[in-house]
Amino acid sequence: MLKAISELVAKLPWSMIILFCLTLGLAPFFPIPHVWEKLKMFSSGTLVRPIDWFDLIMHAAPWILLLIKIVLTMKENGVTDNS
């Protein structure tokens, strides 16, 4: 299953992932990005309602996808090779 996810993420273009991060990952933009608000709630222990957890997952998903893409690209290019 991880291999299938890795292959799917590897096929996604960088531009699409960055667009997702800048739109869904930061929406709504004012007064502060929703993902930042939910991360602050998580760190303070006030993220308790199911809708808040759903919001955190939805707004954090593009950023997680971006991190996975970065790690896979670095691994593919041999940047993370410890030898």
PDB file of N, CA and C in Angstrom:
ATOM      1  N   MET A   1       0.819  -1.193   0.000  1.00  0.00           N
ATOM      2  CA  MET A   1       0.000   0.000   0.000  1.00  0.00           C
ATOM      3  C   MET A   1       0.865   1.259   0.000  1.00  0.00           C
ATOM      4  N   LEU A   2       1.955   1.246   0.781  1.00  0.00           N
ATOM      5  CA  LEU A   2       2.840   2.409   0.791  1.00  0.00           C
ATOM      6  C   LEU A   2       3.478   2.639  -0.569  1.00  0.00           C
ATOM      7  N   LYS A   3       3.780   1.547  -1.254  1.00  0.00           N
ATOM      8  CA  LYS A   3       4.370   1.681  -2.585  1.00  0.00           C
ATOM      9  C   LYS A   3       3.376   2.339  -3.542  1.00  0.00           C
ATOM     10  N   ALA A   4       2.121   1.953  -3.453  1.00  0.00           N
ATOM     11  CA  ALA A   4       1.091   2.541  -4.317  1.00  0.00           C
ATOM     12  C   ALA A   4       0.925   4.031  -4.026  1.00  0.00           C
ATOM     13  N   ILE A   5       0.941   4.397  -2.742  1.00  0.00           N
ATOM     14  CA  ILE A   5       0.827   5.810  -2.374  1.00  0.00           C
ATOM     15  C   ILE A   5       2.043   6.579  -2.869  1.00  0.00           C
ATOM     16  N   SER A   6       3.227   5.993  -2.707  1.00  0.00           N
ATOM     17  CA  SER A   6       4.458   6.642  -3.172  1.00  0.00           C
ATOM     18  C   SER A   6       4.423   6.877  -4.675  1.00  0.00           C
ATOM     19  N   GLU A   7       3.959   5.887  -5.417  1.00  0.00           N
ATOM     20  CA  GLU A   7       3.877   6.026  -6.871  1.00  0.00           C
ATOM     21  C   GLU A   7       2.866   7.103  -7.261  1.00  0.00           C
ATOM     22  N   LEU A   8       1.750   7.160  -6.556  1.00  0.00           N
ATOM     23  CA  LEU A   8       0.730   8.169  -6.840  1.00  0.00           C
ATOM     24  C   LEU A   8       1.264   9.572  -6.562  1.00  0.00           C
ATOM     25  N   VAL A   9       1.912   9.754  -5.422  1.00  0.00           N
ATOM     26  CA  VAL A   9       2.460  11.066  -5.071  1.00  0.00           C
ATOM     27  C   VAL A   9       3.565  11.459  -6.044  1.00  0.00           C
ATOM     28  N   ALA A  10       4.381  10.504  -6.452  1.00  0.00           N
ATOM     29  CA  ALA A  10       5.470  10.792  -7.391  1.00  0.00           C
ATOM     30  C   ALA A  10       4.934  11.282  -8.735  1.00  0.00           C
ATOM     31  N   LYS A  11       3.756  10.833  -9.113  1.00  0.00           N
ATOM     32  CA  LYS A  11       3.171  11.238 -10.392  1.00  0.00           C
ATOM     33  C   LYS A  11       2.531  12.626 -10.344  1.00  0.00           C
ATOM     34  N   LEU A  12       2.212  13.103  -9.145  1.00  0.00           N
ATOM     35  CA  LEU A  12       1.577  14.421  -9.029  1.00  0.00           C
ATOM     36  C   LEU A  12       2.580  15.518  -9.361  1.00  0.00           C
ATOM     37  N   PRO A  13       2.192  16.471 -10.199  1.00  0.00           N
ATOM     38  CA  PRO A  13       3.117  17.566 -10.515  1.00  0.00           C
ATOM     39  C   PRO A  13       3.287  18.509  -9.324  1.00  0.00           C
ATOM     40  N   TRP A  14       4.495  19.064  -9.218  1.00  0.00           N
ATOM     41  CA  TRP A  14       4.796  20.005  -8.139  1.00  0.00           C
ATOM     42  C   TRP A  14       3.816  21.170  -8.131  1.00  0.00           C
ATOM     43  N   SER A  15       3.483  21.661  -9.322  1.00  0.00           N
ATOM     44  CA  SER A  15       2.602  22.831  -9.403  1.00  0.00           C
ATOM     45  C   SER A  15       1.241  22.560  -8.772  1.00  0.00           C
ATOM     46  N   MET A  16       0.722  21.362  -8.952  1.00  0.00           N
ATOM     47  CA  MET A  16      -0.576  21.017  -8.385  1.00  0.00           C
ATOM     48  C   MET A  16      -0.495  20.962  -6.861  1.00  0.00           C
ATOM     49  N   ILE A  17       0.549  20.357  -6.338  1.00  0.00           N
ATOM     50  CA  ILE A  17       0.696  20.252  -4.887  1.00  0.00           C
ATOM     51  C   ILE A  17       0.866  21.632  -4.265  1.00  0.00           C
ATOM     52  N   ILE A  18       1.674  22.479  -4.894  1.00  0.00           N
ATOM     53  CA  ILE A  18       1.879  23.834  -4.376  1.00  0.00           C
ATOM     54  C   ILE A  18       0.581  24.631  -4.440  1.00  0.00           C
ATOM     55  N   LEU A  19      -0.176  24.460  -5.517  1.00  0.00           N
ATOM     56  CA  LEU A  19      -1.472  25.131  -5.627  1.00  0.00           C
ATOM     57  C   LEU A  19      -2.418  24.682  -4.517  1.00  0.00           C
ATOM     58  N   PHE A  20      -2.443  23.378  -4.230  1.00  0.00           N
ATOM     59  CA  PHE A  20      -3.267  22.866  -3.130  1.00  0.00           C
ATOM     60  C   PHE A  20      -2.848  23.484  -1.798  1.00  0.00           C
ATOM     61  N   CYS A  21      -1.541  23.601  -1.578  1.00  0.00           N
ATOM     62  CA  CYS A  21      -1.045  24.185  -0.322  1.00  0.00           C
ATOM     63  C   CYS A  21      -1.450  25.643  -0.194  1.00  0.00           C
ATOM     64  N   LEU A  22      -1.353  26.379  -1.290  1.00  0.00           N
ATOM     65  CA  LEU A  22      -1.653  27.807  -1.242  1.00  0.00           C
ATOM     66  C   LEU A  22      -3.148  28.108  -1.198  1.00  0.00           C
ATOM     67  N   THR A  23      -3.970  27.163  -1.622  1.00  0.00           N
ATOM     68  CA  THR A  23      -5.419  27.397  -1.596  1.00  0.00           C
ATOM     69  C   THR A  23      -6.047  26.668  -0.408  1.00  0.00           C
ATOM     70  N   LEU A  24      -6.229  25.378  -0.518  1.00  0.00           N
ATOM     71  CA  LEU A  24      -6.874  24.611   0.549  1.00  0.00           C
ATOM     72  C   LEU A  24      -6.040  24.611   1.824  1.00  0.00           C
ATOM     73  N   GLY A  25      -4.729  24.574   1.679  1.00  0.00           N
ATOM     74  CA  GLY A  25      -3.863  24.535   2.851  1.00  0.00           C
ATOM     75  C   GLY A  25      -3.862  25.807   3.664  1.00  0.00           C
ATOM     76  N   LEU A  26      -4.168  26.934   3.055  1.00  0.00           N
ATOM     77  CA  LEU A  26      -4.158  28.212   3.769  1.00  0.00           C
ATOM     78  C   LEU A  26      -5.538  28.846   3.922  1.00  0.00           C
ATOM     79  N   ALA A  27      -6.543  28.314   3.254  1.00  0.00           N
ATOM     80  CA  ALA A  27      -7.881  28.919   3.308  1.00  0.00           C
ATOM     81  C   ALA A  27      -8.501  28.754   4.684  1.00  0.00           C
ATOM     82  N   PRO A  28      -9.334  29.649   5.145  1.00  0.00           N
ATOM     83  CA  PRO A  28      -9.482  31.022   4.683  1.00  0.00           C
ATOM     84  C   PRO A  28      -8.257  31.838   5.064  1.00  0.00           C
ATOM     85  N   PHE A  29      -7.959  32.835   4.272  1.00  0.00           N
ATOM     86  CA  PHE A  29      -6.716  33.581   4.427  1.00  0.00           C
ATOM     87  C   PHE A  29      -6.764  34.609   5.547  1.00  0.00           C
ATOM     88  N   PHE A  30      -7.952  35.116   5.857  1.00  0.00           N
ATOM     89  CA  PHE A  30      -8.071  36.170   6.871  1.00  0.00           C
ATOM     90  C   PHE A  30      -9.033  35.736   7.955  1.00  0.00           C
ATOM     91  N   PRO A  31      -8.825  36.010   9.201  1.00  0.00           N
ATOM     92  CA  PRO A  31      -7.717  36.783   9.756  1.00  0.00           C
ATOM     93  C   PRO A  31      -6.415  35.987   9.844  1.00  0.00           C
ATOM     94  N   ILE A  32      -6.505  34.662  10.053  1.00  0.00           N
ATOM     95  CA  ILE A  32      -5.312  33.814  10.000  1.00  0.00           C
ATOM     96  C   ILE A  32      -5.690  32.543   9.255  1.00  0.00           C
ATOM     97  N   PRO A  33      -4.711  31.868   8.636  1.00  0.00           N
ATOM     98  CA  PRO A  33      -5.026  30.605   7.958  1.00  0.00           C
ATOM     99  C   PRO A  33      -5.629  29.589   8.936  1.00  0.00           C
ATOM    100  N   HIS A  34      -6.615  28.861   8.456  1.00  0.00           N
ATOM    101  CA  HIS A  34      -7.348  27.906   9.285  1.00  0.00           C
ATOM    102  C   HIS A  34      -6.430  26.832   9.853  1.00  0.00           C
ATOM    103  N   VAL A  35      -5.482  26.369   9.052  1.00  0.00           N
ATOM    104  CA  VAL A  35      -4.585  25.313   9.522  1.00  0.00           C
ATOM    105  C   VAL A  35      -3.759  25.811  10.705  1.00  0.00           C
ATOM    106  N   TRP A  36      -3.351  27.071  10.671  1.00  0.00           N
ATOM    107  CA  TRP A  36      -2.577  27.637  11.780  1.00  0.00           C
ATOM    108  C   TRP A  36      -3.433  27.708  13.047  1.00  0.00           C
ATOM    109  N   GLU A  37      -4.688  28.123  12.880  1.00  0.00           N
ATOM    110  CA  GLU A  37      -5.614  28.180  14.014  1.00  0.00           C
ATOM    111  C   GLU A  37      -5.801  26.795  14.632  1.00  0.00           C
ATOM    112  N   LYS A  38      -5.978  25.783  13.789  1.00  0.00           N
ATOM    113  CA  LYS A  38      -6.192  24.423  14.289  1.00  0.00           C
ATOM    114  C   LYS A  38      -4.931  23.865  14.937  1.00  0.00           C
ATOM    115  N   LEU A  39      -3.761  24.199  14.409  1.00  0.00           N
ATOM    116  CA  LEU A  39      -2.512  23.754  15.034  1.00  0.00           C
ATOM    117  C   LEU A  39      -2.328  24.402  16.407  1.00  0.00           C
ATOM    118  N   LYS A  40      -2.717  25.662  16.528  1.00  0.00           N
ATOM    119  CA  LYS A  40      -2.657  26.334  17.834  1.00  0.00           C
ATOM    120  C   LYS A  40      -3.631  25.676  18.813  1.00  0.00           C
ATOM    121  N   MET A  41      -4.815  25.324  18.327  1.00  0.00           N
ATOM    122  CA  MET A  41      -5.786  24.635  19.177  1.00  0.00           C
ATOM    123  C   MET A  41      -5.246  23.278  19.609  1.00  0.00           C
ATOM    124  N   PHE A  42      -4.608  22.571  18.684  1.00  0.00           N
ATOM    125  CA  PHE A  42      -4.033  21.258  18.986  1.00  0.00           C
ATOM    126  C   PHE A  42      -2.958  21.372  20.061  1.00  0.00           C
ATOM    127  N   SER A  43      -2.079  22.353  19.910  1.00  0.00           N
ATOM    128  CA  SER A  43      -0.981  22.502  20.866  1.00  0.00           C
ATOM    129  C   SER A  43      -1.463  22.962  22.243  1.00  0.00           C
ATOM    130  N   SER A  44      -2.593  23.660  22.289  1.00  0.00           N
ATOM    131  CA  SER A  44      -3.116  24.115  23.582  1.00  0.00           C
ATOM    132  C   SER A  44      -4.097  23.117  24.203  1.00  0.00           C
ATOM    133  N   GLY A  45      -4.436  22.064  23.462  1.00  0.00           N
ATOM    134  CA  GLY A  45      -5.337  21.045  23.993  1.00  0.00           C
ATOM    135  C   GLY A  45      -6.811  21.364  23.852  1.00  0.00           C
ATOM    136  N   THR A  46      -7.152  22.340  23.030  1.00  0.00           N
ATOM    137  CA  THR A  46      -8.567  22.709  22.857  1.00  0.00           C
ATOM    138  C   THR A  46      -9.172  22.163  21.563  1.00  0.00           C
ATOM    139  N   LEU A  47      -8.455  21.331  20.864  1.00  0.00           N
ATOM    140  CA  LEU A  47      -8.965  20.722  19.629  1.00  0.00           C
ATOM    141  C   LEU A  47      -9.729  19.459  20.029  1.00  0.00           C
ATOM    142  N   VAL A  48     -10.996  19.612  20.388  1.00  0.00           N
ATOM    143  CA  VAL A  48     -11.751  18.493  20.948  1.00  0.00           C
ATOM    144  C   VAL A  48     -12.960  18.092  20.112  1.00  0.00           C
ATOM    145  N   ARG A  49     -13.548  19.026  19.392  1.00  0.00           N
ATOM    146  CA  ARG A  49     -14.745  18.700  18.615  1.00  0.00           C
ATOM    147  C   ARG A  49     -14.361  17.948  17.340  1.00  0.00           C
ATOM    148  N   PRO A  50     -15.180  16.996  16.895  1.00  0.00           N
ATOM    149  CA  PRO A  50     -14.885  16.261  15.663  1.00  0.00           C
ATOM    150  C   PRO A  50     -14.718  17.168  14.440  1.00  0.00           C
ATOM    151  N   ILE A  51     -15.503  18.242  14.350  1.00  0.00           N
ATOM    152  CA  ILE A  51     -15.389  19.148  13.203  1.00  0.00           C
ATOM    153  C   ILE A  51     -14.026  19.826  13.189  1.00  0.00           C
ATOM    154  N   ASP A  52     -13.477  20.101  14.371  1.00  0.00           N
ATOM    155  CA  ASP A  52     -12.149  20.708  14.442  1.00  0.00           C
ATOM    156  C   ASP A  52     -11.076  19.737  13.959  1.00  0.00           C
ATOM    157  N   TRP A  53     -11.210  18.464  14.331  1.00  0.00           N
ATOM    158  CA  TRP A  53     -10.259  17.455  13.854  1.00  0.00           C
ATOM    159  C   TRP A  53     -10.356  17.306  12.331  1.00  0.00           C
ATOM    160  N   PHE A  54     -11.591  17.292  11.818  1.00  0.00           N
ATOM    161  CA  PHE A  54     -11.788  17.204  10.373  1.00  0.00           C
ATOM    162  C   PHE A  54     -11.140  18.395   9.670  1.00  0.00           C
ATOM    163  N   ASP A  55     -11.343  19.595  10.214  1.00  0.00           N
ATOM    164  CA  ASP A  55     -10.730  20.800   9.640  1.00  0.00           C
ATOM    165  C   ASP A  55      -9.210  20.704   9.637  1.00  0.00           C
ATOM    166  N   LEU A  56      -8.642  20.239  10.740  1.00  0.00           N
ATOM    167  CA  LEU A  56      -7.185  20.106  10.815  1.00  0.00           C
ATOM    168  C   LEU A  56      -6.681  19.141   9.750  1.00  0.00           C
ATOM    169  N   ILE A  57      -7.323  18.002   9.631  1.00  0.00           N
ATOM    170  CA  ILE A  57      -6.899  17.006   8.636  1.00  0.00           C
ATOM    171  C   ILE A  57      -7.055  17.556   7.223  1.00  0.00           C
ATOM    172  N   MET A  58      -8.188  18.207   6.946  1.00  0.00           N
ATOM    173  CA  MET A  58      -8.443  18.725   5.600  1.00  0.00           C
ATOM    174  C   MET A  58      -7.440  19.813   5.211  1.00  0.00           C
ATOM    175  N   HIS A  59      -7.156  20.730   6.132  1.00  0.00           N
ATOM    176  CA  HIS A  59      -6.259  21.837   5.804  1.00  0.00           C
ATOM    177  C   HIS A  59      -4.785  21.445   5.905  1.00  0.00           C
ATOM    178  N   ALA A  60      -4.475  20.384   6.642  1.00  0.00           N
ATOM    179  CA  ALA A  60      -3.090  19.928   6.756  1.00  0.00           C
ATOM    180  C   ALA A  60      -2.717  18.945   5.645  1.00  0.00           C
ATOM    181  N   ALA A  61      -3.696  18.321   5.017  1.00  0.00           N
ATOM    182  CA  ALA A  61      -3.428  17.305   3.997  1.00  0.00           C
ATOM    183  C   ALA A  61      -2.534  17.796   2.858  1.00  0.00           C
ATOM    184  N   PRO A  62      -2.752  18.984   2.294  1.00  0.00           N
ATOM    185  CA  PRO A  62      -1.855  19.431   1.223  1.00  0.00           C
ATOM    186  C   PRO A  62      -0.409  19.594   1.694  1.00  0.00           C
ATOM    187  N   TRP A  63      -0.234  20.047   2.934  1.00  0.00           N
ATOM    188  CA  TRP A  63       1.120  20.230   3.469  1.00  0.00           C
ATOM    189  C   TRP A  63       1.797  18.885   3.704  1.00  0.00           C
ATOM    190  N   ILE A  64       1.034  17.910   4.174  1.00  0.00           N
ATOM    191  CA  ILE A  64       1.572  16.564   4.365  1.00  0.00           C
ATOM    192  C   ILE A  64       1.950  15.970   3.019  1.00  0.00           C
ATOM    193  N   LEU A  65       1.102  16.170   2.023  1.00  0.00           N
ATOM    194  CA  LEU A  65       1.390  15.707   0.669  1.00  0.00           C
ATOM    195  C   LEU A  65       2.672  16.344   0.137  1.00  0.00           C
ATOM    196  N   LEU A  66       2.852  17.634   0.388  1.00  0.00           N
ATOM    197  CA  LEU A  66       4.069  18.329  -0.032  1.00  0.00           C
ATOM    198  C   LEU A  66       5.298  17.740   0.649  1.00  0.00           C
ATOM    199  N   LEU A  67       5.212  17.467   1.935  1.00  0.00           N
ATOM    200  CA  LEU A  67       6.341  16.867   2.651  1.00  0.00           C
ATOM    201  C   LEU A  67       6.682  15.484   2.107  1.00  0.00           C
ATOM    202  N   ILE A  68       5.654  14.693   1.820  1.00  0.00           N
ATOM    203  CA  ILE A  68       5.884  13.365   1.239  1.00  0.00           C
ATOM    204  C   ILE A  68       6.573  13.495  -0.109  1.00  0.00           C
ATOM    205  N   LYS A  69       6.112  14.429  -0.935  1.00  0.00           N
ATOM    206  CA  LYS A  69       6.711  14.649  -2.262  1.00  0.00           C
ATOM    207  C   LYS A  69       8.175  15.069  -2.122  1.00  0.00           C
ATOM    208  N   ILE A  70       8.484  15.942  -1.166  1.00  0.00           N
ATOM    209  CA  ILE A  70       9.864  16.382  -0.953  1.00  0.00           C
ATOM    210  C   ILE A  70      10.741  15.203  -0.538  1.00  0.00           C
ATOM    211  N   VAL A  71      10.268  14.410   0.413  1.00  0.00           N
ATOM    212  CA  VAL A  71      11.048  13.258   0.885  1.00  0.00           C
ATOM    213  C   VAL A  71      11.268  12.254  -0.241  1.00  0.00           C
ATOM    214  N   LEU A  72      10.226  11.959  -1.007  1.00  0.00           N
ATOM    215  CA  LEU A  72      10.365  11.009  -2.114  1.00  0.00           C
ATOM    216  C   LEU A  72      11.336  11.522  -3.169  1.00  0.00           C
ATOM    217  N   THR A  73      11.281  12.811  -3.466  1.00  0.00           N
ATOM    218  CA  THR A  73      12.189  13.395  -4.454  1.00  0.00           C
ATOM    219  C   THR A  73      13.624  13.352  -3.959  1.00  0.00           C
ATOM    220  N   MET A  74      13.830  13.677  -2.683  1.00  0.00           N
ATOM    221  CA  MET A  74      15.181  13.622  -2.118  1.00  0.00           C
ATOM    222  C   MET A  74      15.717  12.193  -2.128  1.00  0.00           C
ATOM    223  N   LYS A  75      14.864  11.246  -1.799  1.00  0.00           N
ATOM    224  CA  LYS A  75      15.262   9.837  -1.799  1.00  0.00           C
ATOM    225  C   LYS A  75      15.606   9.377  -3.213  1.00  0.00           C
ATOM    226  N   GLU A  76      14.790   9.790  -4.175  1.00  0.00           N
ATOM    227  CA  GLU A  76      15.008   9.428  -5.576  1.00  0.00           C
ATOM    228  C   GLU A  76      16.324   9.998  -6.101  1.00  0.00           C
ATOM    229  N   ASN A  77      16.661  11.207  -5.663  1.00  0.00           N
ATOM    230  CA  ASN A  77      17.885  11.867  -6.123  1.00  0.00           C
ATOM    231  C   ASN A  77      19.098  11.508  -5.282  1.00  0.00           C
ATOM    232  N   GLY A  78      18.921  10.658  -4.279  1.00  0.00           N
ATOM    233  CA  GLY A  78      20.038  10.219  -3.466  1.00  0.00           C
ATOM    234  C   GLY A  78      20.496  11.218  -2.425  1.00  0.00           C
ATOM    235  N   VAL A  79      19.690  12.223  -2.137  1.00  0.00           N
ATOM    236  CA  VAL A  79      20.078  13.250  -1.166  1.00  0.00           C
ATOM    237  C   VAL A  79      20.081  12.689   0.248  1.00  0.00           C
ATOM    238  N   THR A  80      19.183  11.762   0.558  1.00  0.00           N
ATOM    239  CA  THR A  80      19.081  11.223   1.912  1.00  0.00           C
ATOM    240  C   THR A  80      19.931   9.980   2.106  1.00  0.00           C
ATOM    241  N   ASP A  81      20.764   9.651   1.142  1.00  0.00           N
ATOM    242  CA  ASP A  81      21.620   8.471   1.239  1.00  0.00           C
ATOM    243  C   ASP A  81      22.679   8.704   2.311  1.00  0.00           C
ATOM    244  N   ASN A  82      22.781   7.793   3.270  1.00  0.00           N
ATOM    245  CA  ASN A  82      23.709   7.949   4.389  1.00  0.00           C
ATOM    246  C   ASN A  82      25.090   7.376   4.114  1.00  0.00           C
ATOM    247  N   SER A  83      25.379   6.953   2.919  1.00  0.00           N
ATOM    248  CA  SER A  83      26.691   6.354   2.645  1.00  0.00           C
ATOM    249  C   SER A  83      27.706   7.373   2.202  1.00  0.00           C
TER     250      SER A  83
END
